[in-house]
């Protein structure tokens, strides 16, 4: 399969995402859909008060459009070269996109309540968790219908079949990682940059796996994030909000599961894992010892309060993701051989 299709998909997503900024940002400003910065954060964050929220629609629309364009280009190429279409390829792509979009809807409700209803804490925690759990359950059910196995590839052990317990483990993992991506969105450009690198790594991984539909999907995510970063790097002109971070959380999970190598999610997505664990450690430590481990959690705020600039945080965190992505690519190549 020619890689030019991925290049086309990436540029389409980038230009659509970046171009939507010219339309969406003025519209959000007109609606006065601006972020409210809580007092508990670093004092300089208050300067961002009123920055338009819900910018995640930019890369979400771009990703969906570019992914579908990629799918039809790939299908046309296969047809013209008499190459058989993989079973359920379109349904598999729709499942990943569908899960990401459902998570985005939950994030949008959260943002809407915050900025329109003026309730700073957003969506009720219990209601939000139940909605997320429902989407996770639907996604796992969809995977089962498409023939997903309950075996997990574990280094040095090969495939280990967990039986029905697989769904329990993966339910917790998906729920956790979607929210971990959401936690990563706290510094200008951070979540978008880390996810750009994550998706770029998975573009290579799916190319090695000869899964061209998801290789294009990965490239669409990467392009969409890159286009959004034009508007979101410090000083941000728009925030992705939970609308965007929840969508990206769904994408991050979908890429990992589609590869059939679920352990690549915590490997390539090590930053998401660190962000989530820093929050868990901070809360646990305070409840048990009434002491904080970090100056503030998630951990990007700890570094921010330690004097790191937002640029430095983004550079270091995305650099770690880049190295983790190389490890993921190497692990995939070793698995195939």
C-alpha atoms as a PDB file:
ATOM      1  CA  UNK A   1       0.000   0.000   0.000  1.00  0.00           C
ATOM      2  CA  UNK A   2       1.508   3.379  -0.984  1.00  0.00           C
ATOM      3  CA  UNK A   3       2.399   5.614   1.944  1.00  0.00           C
ATOM      4  CA  UNK A   4       1.285   8.680  -0.023  1.00  0.00           C
ATOM      5  CA  UNK A   5      -2.250   7.929   1.162  1.00  0.00           C
ATOM      6  CA  UNK A   6      -1.136   8.503   4.748  1.00  0.00           C
ATOM      7  CA  UNK A   7       0.581  11.735   3.709  1.00  0.00           C
ATOM      8  CA  UNK A   8      -2.626  12.963   2.054  1.00  0.00           C
ATOM      9  CA  UNK A   9      -4.672  12.000   5.116  1.00  0.00           C
ATOM     10  CA  UNK A  10      -2.248  13.780   7.451  1.00  0.00           C
ATOM     11  CA  UNK A  11      -2.274  17.021   5.450  1.00  0.00           C
ATOM     12  CA  UNK A  12      -6.057  16.989   5.024  1.00  0.00           C
ATOM     13  CA  UNK A  13      -6.495  16.613   8.768  1.00  0.00           C
ATOM     14  CA  UNK A  14      -3.885  19.287   9.514  1.00  0.00           C
ATOM     15  CA  UNK A  15      -5.415  21.879   7.167  1.00  0.00           C
ATOM     16  CA  UNK A  16      -9.002  21.161   8.220  1.00  0.00           C
ATOM     17  CA  UNK A  17      -8.084  21.394  11.912  1.00  0.00           C
ATOM     18  CA  UNK A  18      -6.030  24.562  11.508  1.00  0.00           C
ATOM     19  CA  UNK A  19      -8.560  26.116   9.134  1.00  0.00           C
ATOM     20  CA  UNK A  20     -11.453  25.528  11.508  1.00  0.00           C
ATOM     21  CA  UNK A  21      -9.655  27.762  13.995  1.00  0.00           C
ATOM     22  CA  UNK A  22     -10.500  30.777  11.827  1.00  0.00           C
ATOM     23  CA  UNK A  23     -14.183  29.891  12.084  1.00  0.00           C
ATOM     24  CA  UNK A  24     -14.592  28.278  15.492  1.00  0.00           C
ATOM     25  CA  UNK A  25     -12.475  30.568  17.698  1.00  0.00           C
ATOM     26  CA  UNK A  26     -14.292  33.825  16.767  1.00  0.00           C
ATOM     27  CA  UNK A  27     -17.603  31.979  17.143  1.00  0.00           C
ATOM     28  CA  UNK A  28     -16.676  30.718  20.624  1.00  0.00           C
ATOM     29  CA  UNK A  29     -15.579  34.233  21.582  1.00  0.00           C
ATOM     30  CA  UNK A  30     -18.895  35.603  20.351  1.00  0.00           C
ATOM     31  CA  UNK A  31     -20.725  33.052  22.500  1.00  0.00           C
ATOM     32  CA  UNK A  32     -18.432  33.970  25.410  1.00  0.00           C
ATOM     33  CA  UNK A  33     -17.562  30.299  25.851  1.00  0.00           C
ATOM     34  CA  UNK A  34     -14.423  30.983  27.859  1.00  0.00           C
ATOM     35  CA  UNK A  35     -12.510  28.914  30.391  1.00  0.00           C
ATOM     36  CA  UNK A  36     -12.747  29.713  34.089  1.00  0.00           C
ATOM     37  CA  UNK A  37      -9.424  29.176  35.845  1.00  0.00           C
ATOM     38  CA  UNK A  38      -9.730  27.826  39.383  1.00  0.00           C
ATOM     39  CA  UNK A  39      -7.927  29.597  42.224  1.00  0.00           C
ATOM     40  CA  UNK A  40      -6.123  26.397  43.277  1.00  0.00           C
ATOM     41  CA  UNK A  41      -3.820  26.454  40.225  1.00  0.00           C
ATOM     42  CA  UNK A  42      -0.609  28.452  39.658  1.00  0.00           C
ATOM     43  CA  UNK A  43      -1.388  32.162  39.983  1.00  0.00           C
ATOM     44  CA  UNK A  44      -0.112  32.975  36.475  1.00  0.00           C
ATOM     45  CA  UNK A  45      -2.731  30.633  35.014  1.00  0.00           C
ATOM     46  CA  UNK A  46      -5.350  33.274  35.874  1.00  0.00           C
ATOM     47  CA  UNK A  47      -4.090  35.222  32.844  1.00  0.00           C
ATOM     48  CA  UNK A  48      -5.785  32.558  30.716  1.00  0.00           C
ATOM     49  CA  UNK A  49      -9.227  33.393  32.105  1.00  0.00           C
ATOM     50  CA  UNK A  50     -11.762  33.623  29.292  1.00  0.00           C
ATOM     51  CA  UNK A  51      -9.726  31.756  26.663  1.00  0.00           C
ATOM     52  CA  UNK A  52     -12.260  30.009  24.377  1.00  0.00           C
ATOM     53  CA  UNK A  53     -13.023  26.411  25.361  1.00  0.00           C
ATOM     54  CA  UNK A  54     -14.238  23.434  23.286  1.00  0.00           C
ATOM     55  CA  UNK A  55     -11.545  23.852  20.627  1.00  0.00           C
ATOM     56  CA  UNK A  56     -11.369  20.071  20.491  1.00  0.00           C
ATOM     57  CA  UNK A  57     -14.072  20.183  17.834  1.00  0.00           C
ATOM     58  CA  UNK A  58     -11.354  21.378  15.457  1.00  0.00           C
ATOM     59  CA  UNK A  59      -9.288  18.196  15.487  1.00  0.00           C
ATOM     60  CA  UNK A  60     -12.262  15.906  16.102  1.00  0.00           C
ATOM     61  CA  UNK A  61     -13.962  17.029  12.872  1.00  0.00           C
ATOM     62  CA  UNK A  62     -10.633  16.908  11.027  1.00  0.00           C
ATOM     63  CA  UNK A  63      -9.819  13.409  12.301  1.00  0.00           C
ATOM     64  CA  UNK A  64     -13.184  11.939  11.339  1.00  0.00           C
ATOM     65  CA  UNK A  65     -13.182  13.540   7.878  1.00  0.00           C
ATOM     66  CA  UNK A  66      -9.558  12.603   7.078  1.00  0.00           C
ATOM     67  CA  UNK A  67      -9.969   9.038   8.411  1.00  0.00           C
ATOM     68  CA  UNK A  68     -12.974   8.409   6.170  1.00  0.00           C
ATOM     69  CA  UNK A  69     -11.156   9.923   3.184  1.00  0.00           C
ATOM     70  CA  UNK A  70      -8.207   7.644   3.976  1.00  0.00           C
ATOM     71  CA  UNK A  71     -10.448   4.597   4.170  1.00  0.00           C
ATOM     72  CA  UNK A  72     -12.026   5.249   0.767  1.00  0.00           C
ATOM     73  CA  UNK A  73      -8.641   5.980  -0.849  1.00  0.00           C
ATOM     74  CA  UNK A  74      -7.289   2.691   0.530  1.00  0.00           C
ATOM     75  CA  UNK A  75     -10.411   0.791  -0.606  1.00  0.00           C
ATOM     76  CA  UNK A  76     -10.143   2.300  -4.093  1.00  0.00           C
ATOM     77  CA  UNK A  77      -6.469   1.369  -4.316  1.00  0.00           C
ATOM     78  CA  UNK A  78      -7.226  -2.221  -3.259  1.00  0.00           C
ATOM     79  CA  UNK A  79     -10.047  -2.501  -5.788  1.00  0.00           C
ATOM     80  CA  UNK A  80      -7.973  -1.110  -8.652  1.00  0.00           C
ATOM     81  CA  UNK A  81      -5.090  -3.482  -7.850  1.00  0.00           C
ATOM     82  CA  UNK A  82      -7.354  -6.499  -7.191  1.00  0.00           C
ATOM     83  CA  UNK A  83      -6.262  -6.714  -3.533  1.00  0.00           C
ATOM     84  CA  UNK A  84      -8.737  -8.341  -1.152  1.00  0.00           C
ATOM     85  CA  UNK A  85     -10.384  -6.090   1.423  1.00  0.00           C
ATOM     86  CA  UNK A  86      -9.742  -7.156   5.055  1.00  0.00           C
ATOM     87  CA  UNK A  87     -12.785  -8.471   6.892  1.00  0.00           C
ATOM     88  CA  UNK A  88     -14.652  -5.877   8.969  1.00  0.00           C
ATOM     89  CA  UNK A  89     -12.079  -3.158   8.185  1.00  0.00           C
ATOM     90  CA  UNK A  90     -14.724  -0.432   7.924  1.00  0.00           C
ATOM     91  CA  UNK A  91     -16.603  -1.619  11.018  1.00  0.00           C
ATOM     92  CA  UNK A  92     -13.347  -1.743  12.951  1.00  0.00           C
ATOM     93  CA  UNK A  93     -12.587   1.862  11.951  1.00  0.00           C
ATOM     94  CA  UNK A  94     -16.121   2.998  12.802  1.00  0.00           C
ATOM     95  CA  UNK A  95     -15.875   1.337  16.215  1.00  0.00           C
ATOM     96  CA  UNK A  96     -12.755   3.316  17.092  1.00  0.00           C
ATOM     97  CA  UNK A  97     -14.170   6.579  15.734  1.00  0.00           C
ATOM     98  CA  UNK A  98     -17.531   5.928  17.375  1.00  0.00           C
ATOM     99  CA  UNK A  99     -16.010   5.349  20.809  1.00  0.00           C
ATOM    100  CA  UNK A 100     -13.916   8.522  20.527  1.00  0.00           C
ATOM    101  CA  UNK A 101     -16.968  10.557  19.485  1.00  0.00           C
ATOM    102  CA  UNK A 102     -19.082   9.205  22.348  1.00  0.00           C
ATOM    103  CA  UNK A 103     -16.364  10.158  24.814  1.00  0.00           C
ATOM    104  CA  UNK A 104     -16.278  13.572  23.137  1.00  0.00           C
ATOM    105  CA  UNK A 105     -20.007  14.011  23.770  1.00  0.00           C
ATOM    106  CA  UNK A 106     -19.423  13.361  27.480  1.00  0.00           C
ATOM    107  CA  UNK A 107     -16.622  15.912  27.456  1.00  0.00           C
ATOM    108  CA  UNK A 108     -18.822  18.424  25.641  1.00  0.00           C
ATOM    109  CA  UNK A 109     -21.539  18.063  28.288  1.00  0.00           C
ATOM    110  CA  UNK A 110     -18.884  18.704  30.937  1.00  0.00           C
ATOM    111  CA  UNK A 111     -17.642  21.832  29.120  1.00  0.00           C
ATOM    112  CA  UNK A 112     -21.174  23.060  28.466  1.00  0.00           C
ATOM    113  CA  UNK A 113     -22.094  22.842  32.139  1.00  0.00           C
ATOM    114  CA  UNK A 114     -18.901  24.680  33.098  1.00  0.00           C
ATOM    115  CA  UNK A 115     -19.113  27.595  30.695  1.00  0.00           C
ATOM    116  CA  UNK A 116     -22.832  27.931  29.924  1.00  0.00           C
ATOM    117  CA  UNK A 117     -24.405  26.807  33.174  1.00  0.00           C
ATOM    118  CA  UNK A 118     -21.530  28.442  35.111  1.00  0.00           C
ATOM    119  CA  UNK A 119     -20.932  25.400  37.318  1.00  0.00           C
ATOM    120  CA  UNK A 120     -17.141  25.255  37.721  1.00  0.00           C
ATOM    121  CA  UNK A 121     -16.976  21.547  38.562  1.00  0.00           C
ATOM    122  CA  UNK A 122     -18.829  20.613  35.399  1.00  0.00           C
ATOM    123  CA  UNK A 123     -20.607  17.310  34.914  1.00  0.00           C
ATOM    124  CA  UNK A 124     -21.645  15.534  38.112  1.00  0.00           C
ATOM    125  CA  UNK A 125     -18.836  13.057  38.914  1.00  0.00           C
ATOM    126  CA  UNK A 126     -21.167  10.098  39.351  1.00  0.00           C
ATOM    127  CA  UNK A 127     -23.101  10.863  36.172  1.00  0.00           C
ATOM    128  CA  UNK A 128     -19.927  11.396  34.163  1.00  0.00           C
ATOM    129  CA  UNK A 129     -18.435   8.132  35.436  1.00  0.00           C
ATOM    130  CA  UNK A 130     -21.583   6.168  34.589  1.00  0.00           C
ATOM    131  CA  UNK A 131     -21.623   7.605  31.056  1.00  0.00           C
ATOM    132  CA  UNK A 132     -17.951   6.770  30.574  1.00  0.00           C
ATOM    133  CA  UNK A 133     -18.511   3.248  31.914  1.00  0.00           C
ATOM    134  CA  UNK A 134     -21.374   2.767  29.449  1.00  0.00           C
ATOM    135  CA  UNK A 135     -19.181   3.807  26.505  1.00  0.00           C
ATOM    136  CA  UNK A 136     -16.370   1.507  27.670  1.00  0.00           C
ATOM    137  CA  UNK A 137     -18.812  -1.407  27.939  1.00  0.00           C
ATOM    138  CA  UNK A 138     -20.203  -0.692  24.462  1.00  0.00           C
ATOM    139  CA  UNK A 139     -16.694  -0.499  23.019  1.00  0.00           C
ATOM    140  CA  UNK A 140     -15.663  -3.824  24.552  1.00  0.00           C
ATOM    141  CA  UNK A 141     -18.903  -5.408  23.317  1.00  0.00           C
ATOM    142  CA  UNK A 142     -18.145  -4.073  19.832  1.00  0.00           C
ATOM    143  CA  UNK A 143     -14.650  -5.561  19.966  1.00  0.00           C
ATOM    144  CA  UNK A 144     -16.127  -8.924  20.931  1.00  0.00           C
ATOM    145  CA  UNK A 145     -18.607  -8.807  18.047  1.00  0.00           C
ATOM    146  CA  UNK A 146     -15.738  -8.086  15.652  1.00  0.00           C
ATOM    147  CA  UNK A 147     -13.888 -11.178  16.850  1.00  0.00           C
ATOM    148  CA  UNK A 148     -11.503  -9.703  19.413  1.00  0.00           C
ATOM    149  CA  UNK A 149      -9.776 -12.417  21.439  1.00  0.00           C
ATOM    150  CA  UNK A 150      -9.221 -12.476  25.189  1.00  0.00           C
ATOM    151  CA  UNK A 151      -5.490 -13.091  24.784  1.00  0.00           C
ATOM    152  CA  UNK A 152      -2.868 -10.446  25.495  1.00  0.00           C
ATOM    153  CA  UNK A 153       0.636 -10.451  24.027  1.00  0.00           C
ATOM    154  CA  UNK A 154       3.076 -10.248  26.951  1.00  0.00           C
ATOM    155  CA  UNK A 155       6.829  -9.914  26.300  1.00  0.00           C
ATOM    156  CA  UNK A 156       8.789 -13.140  26.922  1.00  0.00           C
ATOM    157  CA  UNK A 157       5.548 -15.041  27.683  1.00  0.00           C
ATOM    158  CA  UNK A 158       3.811 -14.827  24.324  1.00  0.00           C
ATOM    159  CA  UNK A 159       0.017 -14.728  24.181  1.00  0.00           C
ATOM    160  CA  UNK A 160      -1.692 -15.216  27.539  1.00  0.00           C
ATOM    161  CA  UNK A 161      -5.441 -15.887  27.458  1.00  0.00           C
ATOM    162  CA  UNK A 162      -7.228 -14.224  30.373  1.00  0.00           C
ATOM    163  CA  UNK A 163     -10.662 -15.550  29.493  1.00  0.00           C
ATOM    164  CA  UNK A 164     -13.596 -13.504  30.804  1.00  0.00           C
ATOM    165  CA  UNK A 165     -11.240 -11.686  33.208  1.00  0.00           C
ATOM    166  CA  UNK A 166      -9.785  -9.957  30.134  1.00  0.00           C
ATOM    167  CA  UNK A 167     -12.885  -7.753  29.968  1.00  0.00           C
ATOM    168  CA  UNK A 168     -12.587  -6.768  33.621  1.00  0.00           C
ATOM    169  CA  UNK A 169      -8.935  -5.768  33.184  1.00  0.00           C
ATOM    170  CA  UNK A 170      -9.569  -3.928  29.934  1.00  0.00           C
ATOM    171  CA  UNK A 171     -12.636  -2.139  31.292  1.00  0.00           C
ATOM    172  CA  UNK A 172     -10.487  -0.641  34.060  1.00  0.00           C
ATOM    173  CA  UNK A 173      -7.630   0.071  31.633  1.00  0.00           C
ATOM    174  CA  UNK A 174      -9.806   1.884  29.073  1.00  0.00           C
ATOM    175  CA  UNK A 175     -11.647   3.908  31.709  1.00  0.00           C
ATOM    176  CA  UNK A 176      -8.342   4.829  33.340  1.00  0.00           C
ATOM    177  CA  UNK A 177      -6.498   5.817  30.185  1.00  0.00           C
ATOM    178  CA  UNK A 178      -9.298   7.942  28.765  1.00  0.00           C
ATOM    179  CA  UNK A 179      -9.274   9.935  31.990  1.00  0.00           C
ATOM    180  CA  UNK A 180      -5.464   9.964  32.051  1.00  0.00           C
ATOM    181  CA  UNK A 181      -5.437  11.723  28.677  1.00  0.00           C
ATOM    182  CA  UNK A 182      -7.952  14.179  30.105  1.00  0.00           C
ATOM    183  CA  UNK A 183      -5.605  14.883  33.041  1.00  0.00           C
ATOM    184  CA  UNK A 184      -2.736  15.587  30.638  1.00  0.00           C
ATOM    185  CA  UNK A 185      -4.597  18.616  29.313  1.00  0.00           C
ATOM    186  CA  UNK A 186      -3.402  21.261  31.781  1.00  0.00           C
ATOM    187  CA  UNK A 187      -0.617  23.217  30.077  1.00  0.00           C
ATOM    188  CA  UNK A 188      -0.792  24.994  26.710  1.00  0.00           C
ATOM    189  CA  UNK A 189      -0.013  22.512  23.956  1.00  0.00           C
ATOM    190  CA  UNK A 190       0.777  19.568  26.256  1.00  0.00           C
ATOM    191  CA  UNK A 191      -1.991  17.086  25.498  1.00  0.00           C
ATOM    192  CA  UNK A 192      -1.999  17.949  21.803  1.00  0.00           C
ATOM    193  CA  UNK A 193       1.766  17.524  21.448  1.00  0.00           C
ATOM    194  CA  UNK A 194       1.993  14.288  23.438  1.00  0.00           C
ATOM    195  CA  UNK A 195      -0.935  12.829  21.475  1.00  0.00           C
ATOM    196  CA  UNK A 196       0.597  13.973  18.176  1.00  0.00           C
ATOM    197  CA  UNK A 197       3.759  11.992  18.977  1.00  0.00           C
ATOM    198  CA  UNK A 198       1.713   9.010  20.251  1.00  0.00           C
ATOM    199  CA  UNK A 199      -0.371   8.928  17.049  1.00  0.00           C
ATOM    200  CA  UNK A 200       2.712   9.349  14.830  1.00  0.00           C
ATOM    201  CA  UNK A 201       4.311   6.336  16.532  1.00  0.00           C
ATOM    202  CA  UNK A 202       1.169   4.276  15.958  1.00  0.00           C
ATOM    203  CA  UNK A 203       1.156   5.293  12.291  1.00  0.00           C
ATOM    204  CA  UNK A 204       4.483   3.460  11.971  1.00  0.00           C
ATOM    205  CA  UNK A 205       3.279   0.573  14.142  1.00  0.00           C
ATOM    206  CA  UNK A 206       0.168   0.004  12.005  1.00  0.00           C
ATOM    207  CA  UNK A 207       2.278   0.242   8.868  1.00  0.00           C
ATOM    208  CA  UNK A 208       4.450  -2.578  10.242  1.00  0.00           C
ATOM    209  CA  UNK A 209       1.283  -4.541  11.063  1.00  0.00           C
ATOM    210  CA  UNK A 210      -0.004  -3.911   7.516  1.00  0.00           C
ATOM    211  CA  UNK A 211      -3.194  -2.383   8.943  1.00  0.00           C
ATOM    212  CA  UNK A 212      -3.599   0.512   6.545  1.00  0.00           C
ATOM    213  CA  UNK A 213      -7.013   1.714   7.708  1.00  0.00           C
ATOM    214  CA  UNK A 214      -5.730   2.323  11.219  1.00  0.00           C
ATOM    215  CA  UNK A 215      -2.429   3.642   9.928  1.00  0.00           C
ATOM    216  CA  UNK A 216      -4.467   6.333   8.158  1.00  0.00           C
ATOM    217  CA  UNK A 217      -6.583   6.860  11.291  1.00  0.00           C
ATOM    218  CA  UNK A 218      -3.410   7.379  13.327  1.00  0.00           C
ATOM    219  CA  UNK A 219      -2.095   9.854  10.778  1.00  0.00           C
ATOM    220  CA  UNK A 220      -5.425  11.703  10.826  1.00  0.00           C
ATOM    221  CA  UNK A 221      -5.175  12.087  14.612  1.00  0.00           C
ATOM    222  CA  UNK A 222      -1.581  13.301  14.315  1.00  0.00           C
ATOM    223  CA  UNK A 223      -2.464  15.810  11.606  1.00  0.00           C
ATOM    224  CA  UNK A 224      -5.490  17.059  13.528  1.00  0.00           C
ATOM    225  CA  UNK A 225      -3.417  17.601  16.668  1.00  0.00           C
ATOM    226  CA  UNK A 226      -0.727  19.427  14.698  1.00  0.00           C
ATOM    227  CA  UNK A 227      -3.282  21.753  13.136  1.00  0.00           C
ATOM    228  CA  UNK A 228      -4.789  22.445  16.542  1.00  0.00           C
ATOM    229  CA  UNK A 229      -1.387  23.193  18.059  1.00  0.00           C
ATOM    230  CA  UNK A 230      -1.053  26.190  15.738  1.00  0.00           C
ATOM    231  CA  UNK A 231      -3.731  27.755  17.943  1.00  0.00           C
ATOM    232  CA  UNK A 232      -3.000  25.985  21.221  1.00  0.00           C
ATOM    233  CA  UNK A 233       0.743  26.359  21.834  1.00  0.00           C
ATOM    234  CA  UNK A 234       1.630  28.896  24.524  1.00  0.00           C
ATOM    235  CA  UNK A 235       0.096  31.439  24.675  1.00  0.00           C
ATOM    236  CA  UNK A 236      -2.992  29.452  23.732  1.00  0.00           C
ATOM    237  CA  UNK A 237      -5.701  31.171  21.708  1.00  0.00           C
ATOM    238  CA  UNK A 238      -8.083  28.279  22.365  1.00  0.00           C
ATOM    239  CA  UNK A 239      -8.305  25.300  24.734  1.00  0.00           C
ATOM    240  CA  UNK A 240      -9.418  21.837  23.666  1.00  0.00           C
ATOM    241  CA  UNK A 241     -11.528  21.438  26.806  1.00  0.00           C
ATOM    242  CA  UNK A 242     -12.910  18.095  27.915  1.00  0.00           C
ATOM    243  CA  UNK A 243     -14.577  18.025  24.485  1.00  0.00           C
ATOM    244  CA  UNK A 244     -11.152  17.521  22.937  1.00  0.00           C
ATOM    245  CA  UNK A 245      -9.268  15.638  25.646  1.00  0.00           C
ATOM    246  CA  UNK A 246     -12.009  13.013  25.979  1.00  0.00           C
ATOM    247  CA  UNK A 247     -12.057  12.556  22.202  1.00  0.00           C
ATOM    248  CA  UNK A 248      -8.283  12.083  22.197  1.00  0.00           C
ATOM    249  CA  UNK A 249      -8.604   9.665  25.123  1.00  0.00           C
ATOM    250  CA  UNK A 250     -10.934   7.520  23.036  1.00  0.00           C
ATOM    251  CA  UNK A 251      -8.519   7.699  20.095  1.00  0.00           C
ATOM    252  CA  UNK A 252      -5.530   6.714  22.252  1.00  0.00           C
ATOM    253  CA  UNK A 253      -7.355   3.628  23.500  1.00  0.00           C
ATOM    254  CA  UNK A 254      -8.747   2.721  20.073  1.00  0.00           C
ATOM    255  CA  UNK A 255      -5.278   2.731  18.487  1.00  0.00           C
ATOM    256  CA  UNK A 256      -3.867   0.435  21.156  1.00  0.00           C
ATOM    257  CA  UNK A 257      -6.698  -2.084  20.950  1.00  0.00           C
ATOM    258  CA  UNK A 258      -6.844  -2.095  17.154  1.00  0.00           C
ATOM    259  CA  UNK A 259      -3.169  -3.054  17.054  1.00  0.00           C
ATOM    260  CA  UNK A 260      -3.891  -6.214  19.050  1.00  0.00           C
ATOM    261  CA  UNK A 261      -0.956  -5.214  21.263  1.00  0.00           C
ATOM    262  CA  UNK A 262      -2.741  -3.640  24.223  1.00  0.00           C
ATOM    263  CA  UNK A 263       0.437  -3.257  26.260  1.00  0.00           C
ATOM    264  CA  UNK A 264       1.622  -0.650  23.771  1.00  0.00           C
ATOM    265  CA  UNK A 265      -0.881   1.781  25.322  1.00  0.00           C
ATOM    266  CA  UNK A 266       0.959   2.181  28.666  1.00  0.00           C
ATOM    267  CA  UNK A 267       4.325   1.921  26.893  1.00  0.00           C
ATOM    268  CA  UNK A 268       3.884   4.557  24.180  1.00  0.00           C
ATOM    269  CA  UNK A 269       1.446   6.458  26.397  1.00  0.00           C
ATOM    270  CA  UNK A 270       3.804   6.494  29.392  1.00  0.00           C
ATOM    271  CA  UNK A 271       3.155  10.222  29.973  1.00  0.00           C
ATOM    272  CA  UNK A 272      -0.579   9.622  30.340  1.00  0.00           C
ATOM    273  CA  UNK A 273       0.201   6.893  32.860  1.00  0.00           C
ATOM    274  CA  UNK A 274       2.577   9.122  34.823  1.00  0.00           C
ATOM    275  CA  UNK A 275       0.036  11.952  34.895  1.00  0.00           C
ATOM    276  CA  UNK A 276      -2.700   9.658  36.215  1.00  0.00           C
ATOM    277  CA  UNK A 277      -0.457   7.951  38.771  1.00  0.00           C
ATOM    278  CA  UNK A 278       0.768  11.298  40.106  1.00  0.00           C
ATOM    279  CA  UNK A 279      -2.852  12.220  40.789  1.00  0.00           C
ATOM    280  CA  UNK A 280      -3.559   8.873  42.479  1.00  0.00           C
ATOM    281  CA  UNK A 281      -0.390   9.134  44.620  1.00  0.00           C
ATOM    282  CA  UNK A 282      -1.181  12.707  45.625  1.00  0.00           C
ATOM    283  CA  UNK A 283      -4.743  11.910  46.672  1.00  0.00           C
ATOM    284  CA  UNK A 284      -3.748   8.678  48.419  1.00  0.00           C
ATOM    285  CA  UNK A 285      -0.898  10.325  50.297  1.00  0.00           C
ATOM    286  CA  UNK A 286      -3.064  13.201  51.480  1.00  0.00           C
ATOM    287  CA  UNK A 287      -5.859  10.914  52.645  1.00  0.00           C
ATOM    288  CA  UNK A 288      -3.542   8.505  54.455  1.00  0.00           C
ATOM    289  CA  UNK A 289      -0.803  10.824  55.772  1.00  0.00           C
ATOM    290  CA  UNK A 290      -2.284  14.313  55.329  1.00  0.00           C
ATOM    291  CA  UNK A 291       0.856  15.143  53.341  1.00  0.00           C
ATOM    292  CA  UNK A 292       1.355  15.931  49.670  1.00  0.00           C
ATOM    293  CA  UNK A 293       4.035  14.227  47.592  1.00  0.00           C
ATOM    294  CA  UNK A 294       3.944  16.834  44.812  1.00  0.00           C
ATOM    295  CA  UNK A 295       3.548  20.599  44.950  1.00  0.00           C
ATOM    296  CA  UNK A 296       0.436  20.049  42.841  1.00  0.00           C
ATOM    297  CA  UNK A 297      -1.003  17.185  40.815  1.00  0.00           C
ATOM    298  CA  UNK A 298      -1.135  16.124  38.018  1.00  0.00           C
ATOM    299  CA  UNK A 299       2.624  16.187  37.756  1.00  0.00           C
ATOM    300  CA  UNK A 300       2.888  18.831  35.016  1.00  0.00           C
ATOM    301  CA  UNK A 301       1.661  21.358  37.590  1.00  0.00           C
ATOM    302  CA  UNK A 302       4.381  20.187  40.003  1.00  0.00           C
ATOM    303  CA  UNK A 303       7.026  21.068  37.416  1.00  0.00           C
ATOM    304  CA  UNK A 304       5.221  24.308  36.616  1.00  0.00           C
ATOM    305  CA  UNK A 305       5.366  25.332  40.287  1.00  0.00           C
ATOM    306  CA  UNK A 306       9.022  24.230  40.353  1.00  0.00           C
ATOM    307  CA  UNK A 307       9.860  26.914  37.796  1.00  0.00           C
ATOM    308  CA  UNK A 308       9.591  25.025  34.495  1.00  0.00           C
ATOM    309  CA  UNK A 309       8.142  27.053  31.621  1.00  0.00           C
ATOM    310  CA  UNK A 310       5.183  25.654  29.719  1.00  0.00           C
ATOM    311  CA  UNK A 311       7.445  25.243  26.675  1.00  0.00           C
ATOM    312  CA  UNK A 312       9.907  23.143  28.709  1.00  0.00           C
ATOM    313  CA  UNK A 313       7.154  20.901  30.074  1.00  0.00           C
ATOM    314  CA  UNK A 314       5.778  20.310  26.584  1.00  0.00           C
ATOM    315  CA  UNK A 315       9.259  19.649  25.148  1.00  0.00           C
ATOM    316  CA  UNK A 316      10.308  17.197  27.884  1.00  0.00           C
ATOM    317  CA  UNK A 317       7.003  15.320  28.045  1.00  0.00           C
ATOM    318  CA  UNK A 318       6.718  14.986  24.274  1.00  0.00           C
ATOM    319  CA  UNK A 319      10.398  13.966  24.125  1.00  0.00           C
ATOM    320  CA  UNK A 320       9.716  11.149  26.589  1.00  0.00           C
ATOM    321  CA  UNK A 321       6.733  10.107  24.454  1.00  0.00           C
ATOM    322  CA  UNK A 322       8.969  10.126  21.360  1.00  0.00           C
ATOM    323  CA  UNK A 323      11.447   7.745  23.033  1.00  0.00           C
ATOM    324  CA  UNK A 324       8.577   5.568  24.254  1.00  0.00           C
ATOM    325  CA  UNK A 325       7.194   5.548  20.718  1.00  0.00           C
ATOM    326  CA  UNK A 326      10.523   4.292  19.366  1.00  0.00           C
ATOM    327  CA  UNK A 327      10.414   1.503  21.964  1.00  0.00           C
ATOM    328  CA  UNK A 328       6.875   0.665  20.879  1.00  0.00           C
ATOM    329  CA  UNK A 329       7.931   0.494  17.234  1.00  0.00           C
ATOM    330  CA  UNK A 330      10.910  -1.690  18.156  1.00  0.00           C
ATOM    331  CA  UNK A 331       8.698  -3.978  20.283  1.00  0.00           C
ATOM    332  CA  UNK A 332       6.252  -4.352  17.385  1.00  0.00           C
ATOM    333  CA  UNK A 333       9.054  -5.208  14.963  1.00  0.00           C
ATOM    334  CA  UNK A 334      10.417  -7.802  17.395  1.00  0.00           C
ATOM    335  CA  UNK A 335       6.912  -9.286  17.826  1.00  0.00           C
ATOM    336  CA  UNK A 336       6.529  -9.665  14.063  1.00  0.00           C
ATOM    337  CA  UNK A 337       9.863 -11.449  13.806  1.00  0.00           C
END
